[in-house]
N, C-alpha and C. Protein backbone atom coordinates (compact mmCIF):
# COMPACT_ATOMS: atom_id res chain seq x y z
N UNK A 1 -128.51 -253.89 114.27
CA UNK A 1 -128.69 -252.78 113.99
C UNK A 1 -127.47 -251.91 113.48
N UNK A 2 -127.65 -251.25 112.30
CA UNK A 2 -126.25 -250.67 111.90
C UNK A 2 -126.56 -248.98 112.35
N UNK A 3 -125.62 -248.46 112.37
CA UNK A 3 -125.39 -246.99 112.74
C UNK A 3 -126.02 -246.04 111.86
N UNK A 4 -125.59 -246.36 110.49
CA UNK A 4 -126.18 -245.35 109.48
C UNK A 4 -127.14 -246.34 108.39
N UNK A 5 -127.91 -245.76 108.05
CA UNK A 5 -128.99 -246.27 107.19
C UNK A 5 -128.35 -245.87 105.79
N UNK A 6 -129.25 -246.47 104.90
CA UNK A 6 -128.80 -246.31 103.43
C UNK A 6 -129.12 -244.69 103.08
N UNK A 7 -130.02 -244.22 103.54
CA UNK A 7 -130.54 -242.91 103.26
C UNK A 7 -129.59 -241.84 104.06
N UNK A 8 -128.93 -242.13 105.02
CA UNK A 8 -128.06 -241.22 105.87
C UNK A 8 -126.58 -241.10 105.20
N UNK A 9 -126.37 -242.63 104.42
CA UNK A 9 -125.10 -242.74 103.82
C UNK A 9 -125.21 -241.76 102.62
N UNK A 10 -126.23 -241.58 101.99
CA UNK A 10 -126.72 -240.91 100.76
C UNK A 10 -126.70 -239.25 100.98
N UNK A 11 -127.36 -239.05 101.96
CA UNK A 11 -127.18 -237.61 102.39
C UNK A 11 -125.91 -237.17 102.89
N UNK A 12 -125.16 -237.99 103.52
CA UNK A 12 -123.61 -237.71 103.73
C UNK A 12 -122.73 -237.33 102.51
N UNK A 13 -123.01 -238.68 101.74
CA UNK A 13 -122.15 -238.73 100.37
C UNK A 13 -122.36 -237.02 99.58
N UNK A 14 -123.92 -236.98 99.69
CA UNK A 14 -124.00 -235.41 98.75
C UNK A 14 -123.59 -234.40 99.48
N UNK A 15 -123.59 -234.27 100.81
CA UNK A 15 -122.91 -233.30 101.41
C UNK A 15 -121.39 -233.00 101.38
N UNK A 16 -120.83 -234.22 101.24
CA UNK A 16 -119.36 -234.42 100.90
C UNK A 16 -119.00 -233.68 99.44
N UNK A 17 -120.01 -233.94 98.79
CA UNK A 17 -119.52 -233.67 97.31
C UNK A 17 -120.35 -231.97 96.99
N UNK A 18 -121.01 -231.65 97.81
CA UNK A 18 -121.16 -230.27 98.11
C UNK A 18 -120.10 -229.44 98.75
N UNK A 19 -119.61 -229.91 99.64
CA UNK A 19 -118.69 -229.11 100.38
C UNK A 19 -116.97 -229.14 99.38
N UNK A 20 -117.03 -230.40 98.58
CA UNK A 20 -115.89 -230.25 97.81
C UNK A 20 -115.92 -229.42 96.53
N UNK A 21 -117.61 -229.42 95.84
CA UNK A 21 -117.58 -228.29 94.97
C UNK A 21 -117.46 -226.95 95.21
N UNK A 22 -117.60 -226.66 96.69
CA UNK A 22 -117.42 -225.05 97.26
C UNK A 22 -115.98 -224.88 97.14
N UNK A 23 -115.44 -225.89 98.11
CA UNK A 23 -114.05 -225.64 98.02
C UNK A 23 -113.17 -225.26 96.90
N UNK A 24 -113.37 -226.43 95.71
CA UNK A 24 -112.86 -226.17 94.41
C UNK A 24 -112.78 -224.70 94.06
N UNK A 25 -114.42 -224.31 94.07
CA UNK A 25 -114.73 -222.99 93.71
C UNK A 25 -113.93 -221.85 94.32
N UNK A 26 -113.76 -221.84 95.56
CA UNK A 26 -112.82 -220.93 95.99
C UNK A 26 -111.37 -220.92 95.73
N UNK A 27 -111.00 -222.33 95.91
CA UNK A 27 -109.54 -222.47 95.66
C UNK A 27 -109.19 -222.23 94.06
N UNK A 28 -109.94 -222.11 93.06
CA UNK A 28 -109.51 -222.15 91.61
C UNK A 28 -109.92 -220.78 91.39
N UNK A 29 -109.03 -219.92 90.92
CA UNK A 29 -109.15 -218.44 90.71
C UNK A 29 -109.74 -218.48 89.15
N UNK A 30 -111.10 -217.73 89.44
CA UNK A 30 -111.80 -217.57 87.99
C UNK A 30 -111.03 -216.85 87.14
N UNK A 31 -111.12 -217.19 85.64
CA UNK A 31 -110.48 -216.52 84.68
C UNK A 31 -111.05 -215.06 84.60
N UNK A 32 -109.99 -213.96 84.45
CA UNK A 32 -110.64 -212.65 84.16
C UNK A 32 -110.59 -211.94 85.49
N UNK A 33 -110.10 -212.36 86.58
CA UNK A 33 -109.74 -211.33 87.59
C UNK A 33 -108.82 -210.32 87.54
N UNK A 34 -109.07 -209.15 87.61
CA UNK A 34 -108.26 -208.05 87.18
C UNK A 34 -108.27 -206.72 88.47
N UNK A 35 -107.57 -206.10 88.36
CA UNK A 35 -107.43 -205.23 89.34
C UNK A 35 -107.81 -203.55 88.60
N UNK A 36 -108.68 -203.05 89.08
CA UNK A 36 -109.06 -201.80 88.79
C UNK A 36 -108.54 -200.54 89.58
N UNK A 37 -107.49 -199.88 88.97
CA UNK A 37 -106.74 -198.81 89.46
C UNK A 37 -107.74 -197.43 89.10
N UNK A 38 -108.07 -196.73 90.43
CA UNK A 38 -108.61 -195.59 89.99
C UNK A 38 -107.87 -194.38 90.80
N UNK A 39 -107.60 -193.26 89.75
CA UNK A 39 -106.78 -192.40 90.04
C UNK A 39 -107.37 -191.23 90.20
N UNK A 40 -107.16 -190.26 91.61
CA UNK A 40 -108.05 -189.22 91.88
C UNK A 40 -108.50 -188.48 90.62
N UNK A 41 -109.64 -188.08 90.41
CA UNK A 41 -109.88 -187.12 89.41
C UNK A 41 -110.75 -188.23 88.34
N UNK A 42 -110.98 -189.36 88.52
CA UNK A 42 -111.80 -190.14 87.69
C UNK A 42 -110.97 -191.15 86.59
N UNK A 43 -109.61 -191.11 86.25
CA UNK A 43 -109.23 -191.71 85.74
C UNK A 43 -109.16 -193.39 86.05
N UNK A 44 -109.14 -194.33 85.17
CA UNK A 44 -109.31 -195.59 85.71
C UNK A 44 -108.52 -196.34 84.67
N UNK A 45 -107.76 -197.51 85.45
CA UNK A 45 -107.16 -198.27 84.33
C UNK A 45 -107.34 -199.89 84.96
N UNK A 46 -107.51 -200.88 84.00
CA UNK A 46 -107.37 -202.20 84.46
C UNK A 46 -106.22 -203.16 84.09
N UNK A 47 -106.01 -203.79 84.82
CA UNK A 47 -104.75 -204.60 85.08
C UNK A 47 -105.01 -205.98 85.43
N UNK A 48 -104.65 -206.76 84.44
CA UNK A 48 -104.82 -208.29 84.44
C UNK A 48 -104.07 -208.98 85.51
N UNK A 49 -104.50 -209.63 86.24
CA UNK A 49 -103.77 -210.31 87.48
C UNK A 49 -103.15 -211.85 87.07
N UNK A 50 -103.25 -212.06 85.67
CA UNK A 50 -103.13 -213.38 85.13
C UNK A 50 -101.56 -213.17 84.73
N UNK A 51 -100.95 -211.95 84.52
CA UNK A 51 -99.55 -212.06 83.96
C UNK A 51 -98.73 -211.05 84.92
N UNK A 52 -97.70 -211.42 85.26
CA UNK A 52 -97.04 -211.06 86.19
C UNK A 52 -96.43 -209.51 85.39
N UNK A 53 -95.98 -208.73 86.34
CA UNK A 53 -95.42 -207.48 85.80
C UNK A 53 -95.36 -206.05 86.84
N UNK A 54 -94.72 -205.16 86.24
CA UNK A 54 -94.49 -203.72 87.22
C UNK A 54 -95.29 -203.11 86.17
N UNK A 55 -96.06 -202.07 86.98
CA UNK A 55 -96.90 -200.85 86.35
C UNK A 55 -96.66 -199.72 87.23
N UNK A 56 -96.28 -198.83 86.17
CA UNK A 56 -96.18 -197.17 86.32
C UNK A 56 -97.45 -196.46 86.37
N UNK A 57 -97.68 -195.93 87.60
CA UNK A 57 -99.01 -194.93 87.45
C UNK A 57 -98.32 -193.30 87.81
N UNK A 58 -98.46 -192.85 86.66
CA UNK A 58 -97.54 -191.71 86.56
C UNK A 58 -98.55 -190.40 86.48
N UNK A 59 -99.89 -190.77 86.20
CA UNK A 59 -100.85 -189.69 86.17
C UNK A 59 -101.47 -189.15 87.43
N UNK A 60 -100.87 -189.59 88.69
CA UNK A 60 -101.57 -189.38 89.98
C UNK A 60 -101.17 -188.30 90.29
N UNK A 61 -101.36 -187.68 91.78
CA UNK A 61 -100.78 -186.58 92.42
C UNK A 61 -99.11 -187.05 92.71
N UNK A 62 -99.04 -188.31 93.03
CA UNK A 62 -97.63 -188.65 93.38
C UNK A 62 -97.43 -190.03 92.58
N UNK A 63 -96.25 -190.07 91.59
CA UNK A 63 -96.25 -191.45 91.13
C UNK A 63 -96.04 -192.84 92.07
N UNK A 64 -96.73 -193.55 91.36
CA UNK A 64 -96.80 -194.91 92.19
C UNK A 64 -96.30 -196.03 91.59
N UNK A 65 -95.63 -197.12 91.85
CA UNK A 65 -95.50 -198.44 91.26
C UNK A 65 -96.10 -199.54 91.85
N UNK A 66 -96.90 -200.43 90.87
CA UNK A 66 -97.66 -201.36 91.44
C UNK A 66 -96.90 -202.74 90.81
N UNK A 67 -96.81 -203.83 91.62
CA UNK A 67 -96.36 -205.06 90.96
C UNK A 67 -97.38 -206.04 90.99
N UNK A 68 -97.61 -206.90 90.07
CA UNK A 68 -98.42 -208.16 90.01
C UNK A 68 -97.83 -209.27 89.96
N UNK A 69 -97.94 -210.62 90.82
CA UNK A 69 -97.26 -211.67 90.94
C UNK A 69 -98.22 -212.47 91.45
N UNK A 70 -98.10 -213.72 90.70
CA UNK A 70 -98.87 -214.69 91.45
C UNK A 70 -100.48 -214.65 91.56
N UNK A 71 -100.74 -213.61 90.59
CA UNK A 71 -102.32 -213.55 90.43
C UNK A 71 -102.85 -212.34 91.64
N UNK A 72 -101.69 -211.65 92.02
CA UNK A 72 -102.05 -210.56 93.13
C UNK A 72 -101.30 -209.39 92.87
N UNK A 73 -101.83 -208.38 93.35
CA UNK A 73 -100.95 -207.01 93.17
C UNK A 73 -100.88 -206.37 94.42
N UNK A 74 -99.90 -205.49 94.53
CA UNK A 74 -99.31 -204.47 95.32
C UNK A 74 -98.99 -203.43 95.17
N UNK A 75 -98.69 -202.33 95.93
CA UNK A 75 -98.21 -201.10 95.63
C UNK A 75 -96.54 -201.37 95.97
N UNK A 76 -95.39 -201.01 95.30
CA UNK A 76 -94.05 -201.29 95.56
C UNK A 76 -93.32 -200.00 95.76
N UNK A 77 -93.79 -199.22 95.26
CA UNK A 77 -92.97 -197.84 95.39
C UNK A 77 -94.07 -196.59 95.31
N UNK A 78 -93.94 -195.68 96.37
CA UNK A 78 -94.70 -194.35 96.35
C UNK A 78 -93.64 -193.50 96.67
N UNK A 79 -93.99 -192.16 96.17
CA UNK A 79 -93.49 -191.05 97.02
C UNK A 79 -94.15 -190.35 97.79
N UNK A 80 -94.99 -191.03 98.47
CA UNK A 80 -95.79 -190.08 99.71
C UNK A 80 -95.17 -190.36 100.74
N UNK A 81 -95.38 -189.59 101.97
CA UNK A 81 -94.50 -189.34 102.94
C UNK A 81 -94.49 -190.45 103.96
N UNK A 82 -95.45 -191.56 104.01
CA UNK A 82 -95.60 -192.48 105.21
C UNK A 82 -95.35 -194.02 104.41
N UNK A 83 -95.75 -194.25 103.38
CA UNK A 83 -95.47 -195.48 102.83
C UNK A 83 -96.47 -196.47 103.39
N UNK A 84 -97.49 -196.36 103.52
CA UNK A 84 -98.40 -197.08 104.47
C UNK A 84 -99.05 -198.10 103.14
N UNK A 85 -99.17 -197.59 101.87
CA UNK A 85 -99.84 -198.67 100.96
C UNK A 85 -98.76 -199.65 100.86
N UNK A 86 -97.20 -199.27 100.75
CA UNK A 86 -96.18 -200.16 100.43
C UNK A 86 -96.43 -201.42 101.43
N UNK A 87 -96.65 -200.89 102.67
CA UNK A 87 -96.86 -202.11 103.56
C UNK A 87 -98.20 -202.84 103.92
N UNK A 88 -98.94 -202.35 102.78
CA UNK A 88 -100.17 -203.41 102.98
C UNK A 88 -100.16 -204.52 102.41
N UNK A 89 -99.08 -204.59 101.52
CA UNK A 89 -98.88 -206.18 100.81
C UNK A 89 -99.86 -206.37 99.89
N UNK A 90 -99.89 -207.83 99.24
CA UNK A 90 -100.69 -208.16 98.21
C UNK A 90 -102.03 -208.40 98.56
N UNK A 91 -102.83 -208.12 97.45
CA UNK A 91 -104.25 -208.27 97.40
C UNK A 91 -104.48 -208.97 96.34
N UNK A 92 -105.54 -209.69 96.27
CA UNK A 92 -105.81 -210.82 94.87
C UNK A 92 -107.42 -211.20 95.18
N UNK A 93 -108.12 -210.85 96.21
CA UNK A 93 -109.59 -211.70 96.35
C UNK A 93 -110.48 -210.54 95.84
N UNK A 94 -111.61 -210.88 95.22
CA UNK A 94 -112.41 -209.82 94.83
C UNK A 94 -113.00 -209.11 95.96
N UNK A 95 -113.16 -208.15 95.63
CA UNK A 95 -113.86 -206.82 96.81
C UNK A 95 -112.26 -206.38 97.48
N UNK A 96 -111.23 -206.82 97.51
CA UNK A 96 -110.15 -206.11 98.45
C UNK A 96 -109.70 -205.01 97.67
N UNK A 97 -109.10 -204.19 98.58
CA UNK A 97 -108.66 -202.84 97.93
C UNK A 97 -107.51 -202.53 98.60
N UNK A 98 -106.83 -201.68 98.07
CA UNK A 98 -105.54 -200.94 98.91
C UNK A 98 -105.68 -199.54 98.17
N UNK A 99 -105.36 -198.60 99.09
CA UNK A 99 -105.22 -197.35 98.84
C UNK A 99 -104.06 -196.39 99.13
N UNK A 100 -103.48 -195.56 98.32
CA UNK A 100 -102.44 -194.41 98.63
C UNK A 100 -103.08 -193.19 98.56
N UNK A 101 -103.54 -192.98 99.79
CA UNK A 101 -104.29 -191.56 99.90
C UNK A 101 -103.60 -190.57 99.39
N UNK A 102 -102.04 -190.16 99.94
CA UNK A 102 -101.60 -188.74 99.12
C UNK A 102 -101.22 -189.15 97.56
N UNK A 103 -101.17 -189.94 97.31
CA UNK A 103 -100.89 -190.08 95.81
C UNK A 103 -102.66 -190.07 95.16
N UNK A 104 -103.55 -190.26 95.75
CA UNK A 104 -104.88 -190.48 95.14
C UNK A 104 -105.23 -191.69 94.43
N UNK A 105 -104.55 -192.66 94.60
CA UNK A 105 -104.63 -194.14 93.75
C UNK A 105 -105.40 -195.07 94.87
N UNK A 106 -106.22 -195.79 94.21
CA UNK A 106 -107.17 -196.86 94.52
C UNK A 106 -106.72 -198.09 93.98
N UNK A 107 -106.81 -199.27 94.35
CA UNK A 107 -106.44 -200.39 93.61
C UNK A 107 -107.94 -201.42 94.01
N UNK A 108 -108.65 -201.73 93.33
CA UNK A 108 -109.69 -202.84 93.97
C UNK A 108 -109.69 -204.08 92.96
N UNK A 109 -109.98 -205.38 93.68
CA UNK A 109 -110.13 -206.28 92.80
C UNK A 109 -111.41 -206.61 92.25
N UNK A 110 -111.67 -206.89 91.03
CA UNK A 110 -112.96 -207.29 90.27
C UNK A 110 -112.58 -208.20 89.63
N UNK A 111 -113.76 -209.06 89.13
CA UNK A 111 -113.91 -209.85 88.20
C UNK A 111 -114.27 -209.30 87.01
């Protein structure tokens, strides 16, 4: 008597293929991921996360600088008094966000 039947092995193989597919979906960054930068007052700007760079946001209450590196974005410089936004670090997954309240700048990751 064998421990696994042929049907059990097929179900197990199907589950392994499904798990591998889900893992690949989350590991491979889909094309078109971008950061949406919203400045208090309604101005928005989209920044692609596919190309590294430094972006100055000067039309905010306080000027801020954003850095894109390796498909992620972060606040690197702000004239706000507490600099909490700079310490937040990189964000890069859809739905994540970072905000500099004194400057009135919000960064949200979107597809």
